[in-house]
């Protein structure tokens, strides 16, 4: 009932990073697109097939470097049901390869709707006498800005199935301060959301000192990151904004505790699209992605020692 599983994988690979799997068709190597379109046409089905082949290749290249992957559901939803089928296959394949899977869904709704989302992404759906798994992710991202009752069903589901969650707190985007840095009572809004995560996780702290409820804390705000790490001792951090958004290895060091635990740093485009910088038209997309992931690992390793 905590982030112990993810932390163990991070320790084993000495790498606190997660590779985002957020591909648009135009970010996929031409030879993959050509083969998919030849089979299924320039259709949503063709694009979905290209995404699947790209994802599978990336997972094969990265599985012994990174401990986790993070598919963002928006990039699959835009391809309709075919895209969601690919997301389901991507999650299953990543888990078969021993990777921890964070489904970046950013859901936030109340009551039975929240429970339905929790069932879909983390738990099971009752169909007659059978309890069936839909997506089966290990972890999800959530938007708690409608209040704690939007997150409660996910907490219950996490407890039941040994899963975990990340609640948005201080996000990496430039406009985050428009709401998240406003004062609410004697706290800032992002502090309230961080405190919510800490409270939701009470009673579920695991071997490494972290509960089942984590927080999203952007690499682009190192001062807030440092402050939140001190404020939320039992809250595991998902740190977006590294690389393409401007966050650096020096910035993300503040997300970790004294043992180099308690956080995982995301990079998507800098790994997925590394092939675009090699001049080989995507023929080397796996080697390029792996090299980018290793470079990121080594850069962070200059500031963070994982014990």
Protein backbone atom coordinates (compact mmCIF):
# COMPACT_ATOMS: atom_id res chain seq x y z
CA UNK A 1 0.00 0.00 0.00
CA UNK A 2 2.79 2.41 -0.88
CA UNK A 3 5.44 3.22 -3.46
CA UNK A 4 7.70 0.41 -2.25
CA UNK A 5 7.44 -1.51 -5.55
CA UNK A 6 8.52 1.52 -7.59
CA UNK A 7 11.30 2.42 -5.16
CA UNK A 8 12.69 -1.13 -5.33
CA UNK A 9 12.83 -0.91 -9.13
CA UNK A 10 14.57 2.47 -8.92
CA UNK A 11 17.17 1.10 -6.50
CA UNK A 12 17.77 -1.98 -8.67
CA UNK A 13 18.53 0.15 -11.75
CA UNK A 14 20.08 3.08 -9.88
CA UNK A 15 17.85 5.26 -12.01
CA UNK A 16 15.05 7.48 -10.64
CA UNK A 17 13.52 8.28 -14.03
CA UNK A 18 10.37 7.41 -15.95
CA UNK A 19 10.03 7.52 -19.73
CA UNK A 20 6.85 9.16 -20.96
CA UNK A 21 5.13 7.39 -23.84
CA UNK A 22 3.17 10.24 -25.43
CA UNK A 23 3.66 9.75 -29.18
CA UNK A 24 2.01 11.73 -31.93
CA UNK A 25 2.17 10.14 -35.39
CA UNK A 26 4.52 12.89 -36.56
CA UNK A 27 6.99 11.90 -33.82
CA UNK A 28 7.16 8.31 -35.02
CA UNK A 29 9.98 7.24 -37.38
CA UNK A 30 8.91 7.27 -41.04
CA UNK A 31 9.56 3.57 -41.64
CA UNK A 32 7.16 2.63 -38.83
CA UNK A 33 4.48 4.97 -40.13
CA UNK A 34 4.91 3.70 -43.69
CA UNK A 35 4.46 0.07 -42.66
CA UNK A 36 1.42 0.83 -40.49
CA UNK A 37 -0.28 2.91 -43.17
CA UNK A 38 0.42 0.26 -45.80
CA UNK A 39 -1.39 -2.26 -43.63
CA UNK A 40 -4.29 -0.17 -42.31
CA UNK A 41 -4.34 2.99 -44.40
CA UNK A 42 -3.99 6.61 -43.30
CA UNK A 43 -6.69 6.05 -40.73
CA UNK A 44 -6.98 6.17 -36.95
CA UNK A 45 -6.35 2.43 -36.99
CA UNK A 46 -3.17 2.98 -39.03
CA UNK A 47 -1.94 5.67 -36.66
CA UNK A 48 -2.73 3.48 -33.65
CA UNK A 49 -0.76 0.59 -35.16
CA UNK A 50 2.22 2.90 -35.66
CA UNK A 51 2.01 4.06 -32.05
CA UNK A 52 1.92 0.45 -30.87
CA UNK A 53 4.99 -0.55 -32.88
CA UNK A 54 6.84 2.57 -31.71
CA UNK A 55 5.91 1.97 -28.06
CA UNK A 56 6.91 -1.67 -28.23
CA UNK A 57 10.28 -0.73 -29.71
CA UNK A 58 10.85 1.93 -27.06
CA UNK A 59 9.97 -0.46 -24.24
CA UNK A 60 12.32 -3.10 -25.63
CA UNK A 61 15.12 -0.53 -25.80
CA UNK A 62 14.53 0.99 -22.37
CA UNK A 63 13.41 -1.89 -20.17
CA UNK A 64 16.80 -2.50 -18.59
CA UNK A 65 17.57 1.23 -18.19
CA UNK A 66 14.44 2.85 -16.75
CA UNK A 67 12.29 1.43 -13.95
CA UNK A 68 9.00 2.83 -15.25
CA UNK A 69 7.03 4.20 -18.18
CA UNK A 70 4.23 6.78 -18.19
CA UNK A 71 1.75 6.71 -21.07
CA UNK A 72 -0.40 9.87 -21.21
CA UNK A 73 -3.94 8.88 -22.09
CA UNK A 74 -4.67 11.99 -24.19
CA UNK A 75 -2.36 10.81 -26.96
CA UNK A 76 -4.29 7.55 -27.15
CA UNK A 77 -7.78 9.00 -26.77
CA UNK A 78 -7.19 11.25 -29.80
CA UNK A 79 -7.02 8.06 -31.88
CA UNK A 80 -10.41 6.84 -30.64
CA UNK A 81 -11.08 3.35 -29.39
CA UNK A 82 -8.16 2.08 -31.45
CA UNK A 83 -5.83 4.32 -29.46
CA UNK A 84 -7.22 3.17 -26.12
CA UNK A 85 -6.73 -0.43 -27.24
CA UNK A 86 -3.08 0.44 -27.88
CA UNK A 87 -2.80 2.00 -24.43
CA UNK A 88 -4.17 -1.20 -22.91
CA UNK A 89 -1.64 -3.26 -24.90
CA UNK A 90 1.18 -0.86 -24.02
CA UNK A 91 0.47 -1.14 -20.28
CA UNK A 92 0.28 -4.92 -20.45
CA UNK A 93 3.49 -5.21 -22.48
CA UNK A 94 5.42 -2.84 -20.21
CA UNK A 95 4.39 -4.83 -17.15
CA UNK A 96 5.38 -8.09 -18.87
CA UNK A 97 8.83 -6.56 -19.32
CA UNK A 98 9.08 -5.78 -15.61
CA UNK A 99 8.36 -2.05 -15.81
CA UNK A 100 6.22 -0.05 -13.39
CA UNK A 101 3.41 1.73 -15.24
CA UNK A 102 2.06 5.16 -14.33
CA UNK A 103 -1.11 5.92 -16.30
CA UNK A 104 -1.15 9.69 -16.71
CA UNK A 105 -4.91 10.19 -16.70
CA UNK A 106 -5.36 13.31 -14.49
CA UNK A 107 -8.91 12.35 -13.62
CA UNK A 108 -10.89 14.23 -10.98
CA UNK A 109 -14.59 13.61 -10.40
CA UNK A 110 -16.91 12.65 -7.57
CA UNK A 111 -18.74 9.63 -6.22
CA UNK A 112 -19.60 6.75 -8.51
CA UNK A 113 -17.79 8.41 -11.43
CA UNK A 114 -14.51 8.50 -9.52
CA UNK A 115 -15.03 4.89 -8.50
CA UNK A 116 -15.61 3.92 -12.13
CA UNK A 117 -12.33 5.57 -13.13
CA UNK A 118 -10.56 3.81 -10.27
CA UNK A 119 -12.02 0.45 -11.34
CA UNK A 120 -10.97 1.04 -14.94
CA UNK A 121 -7.40 2.12 -14.38
CA UNK A 122 -6.33 0.41 -11.16
CA UNK A 123 -8.87 -2.18 -10.09
CA UNK A 124 -11.42 -4.52 -11.59
CA UNK A 125 -14.85 -4.30 -13.20
CA UNK A 126 -17.53 -6.76 -12.18
CA UNK A 127 -19.07 -8.42 -15.24
CA UNK A 128 -21.57 -11.02 -14.12
CA UNK A 129 -19.71 -13.42 -11.87
CA UNK A 130 -16.30 -12.33 -13.17
CA UNK A 131 -14.05 -9.52 -11.87
CA UNK A 132 -12.10 -8.33 -14.91
CA UNK A 133 -9.13 -6.01 -15.31
CA UNK A 134 -9.46 -3.21 -17.87
CA UNK A 135 -6.20 -1.23 -18.04
CA UNK A 136 -4.38 -2.55 -14.98
CA UNK A 137 -1.90 0.28 -14.39
CA UNK A 138 0.22 0.35 -11.24
CA UNK A 139 -0.39 4.02 -10.54
CA UNK A 140 -2.36 7.01 -11.85
CA UNK A 141 -2.18 10.79 -11.82
CA UNK A 142 -5.19 12.65 -10.40
CA UNK A 143 -6.53 16.20 -10.28
CA UNK A 144 -7.76 16.86 -6.75
CA UNK A 145 -9.00 20.39 -7.28
CA UNK A 146 -12.65 19.33 -6.76
CA UNK A 147 -11.77 18.12 -3.27
CA UNK A 148 -10.72 15.02 -1.38
CA UNK A 149 -13.93 13.12 -2.20
CA UNK A 150 -12.74 12.92 -5.81
CA UNK A 151 -9.67 11.03 -4.66
CA UNK A 152 -11.19 8.83 -1.94
CA UNK A 153 -12.36 6.04 -4.29
CA UNK A 154 -8.85 5.82 -5.75
CA UNK A 155 -7.32 5.59 -2.28
CA UNK A 156 -9.68 2.72 -1.41
CA UNK A 157 -8.88 0.97 -4.69
CA UNK A 158 -5.14 1.45 -4.14
CA UNK A 159 -5.43 -0.17 -0.72
CA UNK A 160 -7.37 -3.10 -2.14
CA UNK A 161 -5.06 -3.82 -5.08
CA UNK A 162 -1.71 -2.56 -3.75
CA UNK A 163 -1.58 0.37 -6.17
CA UNK A 164 -0.70 4.05 -5.73
CA UNK A 165 -1.48 7.53 -7.05
CA UNK A 166 -0.02 10.97 -7.71
CA UNK A 167 -2.07 14.08 -6.89
CA UNK A 168 -1.36 17.29 -8.81
CA UNK A 169 0.29 19.83 -6.50
CA UNK A 170 2.79 22.25 -8.11
CA UNK A 171 2.80 21.41 -11.81
CA UNK A 172 5.59 22.22 -14.28
CA UNK A 173 3.65 24.36 -16.77
CA UNK A 174 4.32 28.13 -16.95
CA UNK A 175 0.74 29.06 -16.03
CA UNK A 176 0.58 26.89 -12.92
CA UNK A 177 1.04 29.86 -10.62
CA UNK A 178 -2.18 31.51 -11.79
CA UNK A 179 -4.07 29.24 -9.41
CA UNK A 180 -1.56 27.09 -7.57
CA UNK A 181 0.35 30.02 -6.07
CA UNK A 182 -2.72 31.88 -4.82
CA UNK A 183 -3.17 32.25 -1.07
CA UNK A 184 -6.01 30.27 0.50
CA UNK A 185 -6.24 31.02 4.20
CA UNK A 186 -2.73 30.72 5.58
CA UNK A 187 -1.42 28.47 2.78
CA UNK A 188 -0.81 28.54 -0.93
CA UNK A 189 -3.08 26.38 -3.06
CA UNK A 190 -0.31 23.99 -4.11
CA UNK A 191 0.59 23.53 -0.44
CA UNK A 192 -3.01 22.58 0.30
CA UNK A 193 -2.90 19.93 -2.43
CA UNK A 194 0.40 18.61 -1.16
CA UNK A 195 -1.02 18.47 2.36
CA UNK A 196 -4.03 16.61 0.97
CA UNK A 197 -1.75 13.93 -0.47
CA UNK A 198 0.11 13.60 2.83
CA UNK A 199 -3.19 13.22 4.71
CA UNK A 200 -4.72 10.77 2.23
CA UNK A 201 -1.73 8.49 2.65
CA UNK A 202 -1.89 8.30 6.44
CA UNK A 203 -1.63 4.73 7.69
CA UNK A 204 -0.12 3.38 4.46
CA UNK A 205 3.55 4.31 4.87
CA UNK A 206 5.77 1.53 3.57
CA UNK A 207 9.33 0.27 3.92
CA UNK A 208 10.96 3.38 2.47
CA UNK A 209 8.82 5.90 4.37
CA UNK A 210 6.32 6.78 1.66
CA UNK A 211 2.57 6.28 1.54
CA UNK A 212 0.32 5.29 -1.37
CA UNK A 213 -0.50 8.95 -2.13
CA UNK A 214 2.15 10.88 -4.04
CA UNK A 215 2.27 14.37 -5.54
CA UNK A 216 3.18 15.88 -8.89
CA UNK A 217 5.87 18.53 -8.33
CA UNK A 218 7.46 20.20 -11.34
CA UNK A 219 11.19 20.34 -12.03
CA UNK A 220 10.70 23.87 -13.37
CA UNK A 221 10.09 25.21 -9.84
CA UNK A 222 13.12 24.09 -7.80
CA UNK A 223 12.45 26.38 -4.83
CA UNK A 224 8.89 25.08 -4.44
CA UNK A 225 10.22 21.56 -4.97
CA UNK A 226 12.68 21.98 -2.10
CA UNK A 227 9.98 23.43 0.14
CA UNK A 228 7.51 20.64 -0.64
CA UNK A 229 10.08 17.92 0.01
CA UNK A 230 10.57 19.29 3.54
CA UNK A 231 6.84 19.79 4.02
CA UNK A 232 5.72 16.33 2.82
CA UNK A 233 8.03 13.71 4.33
CA UNK A 234 5.84 10.71 3.43
CA UNK A 235 4.78 11.83 -0.07
CA UNK A 236 6.49 10.33 -3.14
CA UNK A 237 7.02 12.86 -5.95
CA UNK A 238 6.48 12.57 -9.69
CA UNK A 239 8.65 15.29 -11.21
CA UNK A 240 7.70 16.41 -14.75
CA UNK A 241 9.32 19.24 -16.67
CA UNK A 242 12.81 17.78 -17.12
CA UNK A 243 14.49 18.36 -20.46
CA UNK A 244 12.20 19.85 -23.10
CA UNK A 245 10.36 22.02 -20.53
CA UNK A 246 13.58 23.37 -19.06
CA UNK A 247 14.07 21.45 -15.81
CA UNK A 248 17.63 20.29 -15.14
CA UNK A 249 19.38 17.59 -13.13
CA UNK A 250 20.48 20.25 -10.66
CA UNK A 251 16.84 21.35 -10.23
CA UNK A 252 15.39 17.89 -9.60
CA UNK A 253 17.84 16.99 -6.83
CA UNK A 254 15.56 18.78 -4.37
CA UNK A 255 12.79 16.21 -4.91
CA UNK A 256 14.79 13.44 -3.20
CA UNK A 257 15.39 12.58 0.43
CA UNK A 258 18.82 12.05 2.01
CA UNK A 259 18.95 8.46 0.69
CA UNK A 260 18.10 9.47 -2.87
CA UNK A 261 14.60 8.04 -2.45
CA UNK A 262 11.10 9.43 -2.74
CA UNK A 263 10.91 10.74 -6.28
CA UNK A 264 10.90 9.81 -9.94
CA UNK A 265 11.67 12.27 -12.75
CA UNK A 266 9.80 12.17 -16.04
CA UNK A 267 11.08 12.85 -19.54
CA UNK A 268 8.98 12.25 -22.64
CA UNK A 269 9.97 14.11 -25.79
CA UNK A 270 13.71 14.14 -25.04
CA UNK A 271 13.69 10.33 -25.02
CA UNK A 272 10.96 9.52 -27.56
CA UNK A 273 12.17 12.03 -30.13
CA UNK A 274 15.92 11.53 -29.64
CA UNK A 275 16.02 9.87 -33.07
CA UNK A 276 15.18 13.20 -34.71
CA UNK A 277 18.63 14.56 -33.80
CA UNK A 278 20.79 11.73 -35.13
CA UNK A 279 20.32 12.25 -38.86
CA UNK A 280 19.38 8.61 -39.50
CA UNK A 281 15.68 9.18 -40.23
CA UNK A 282 14.56 7.04 -37.31
CA UNK A 283 16.34 3.84 -38.24
CA UNK A 284 18.17 4.10 -34.92
CA UNK A 285 15.20 5.23 -32.77
CA UNK A 286 15.79 2.52 -30.17
CA UNK A 287 19.50 3.26 -29.78
CA UNK A 288 18.80 6.99 -29.67
CA UNK A 289 16.11 6.63 -27.00
CA UNK A 290 18.32 4.39 -24.91
CA UNK A 291 21.24 6.80 -25.15
CA UNK A 292 19.02 9.72 -24.13
CA UNK A 293 17.68 7.77 -21.14
CA UNK A 294 21.20 6.84 -20.06
CA UNK A 295 22.35 10.45 -20.40
CA UNK A 296 19.45 11.59 -18.22
CA UNK A 297 20.20 8.92 -15.63
CA UNK A 298 23.85 9.87 -15.50
CA UNK A 299 23.11 13.61 -15.28
CA UNK A 300 20.79 13.15 -12.32
CA UNK A 301 23.29 10.75 -10.78
CA UNK A 302 25.75 13.64 -10.48
CA UNK A 303 23.41 15.25 -7.93
CA UNK A 304 21.46 12.31 -6.46
CA UNK A 305 23.01 9.21 -4.88
CA UNK A 306 20.58 6.32 -4.52
CA UNK A 307 21.36 4.20 -1.46
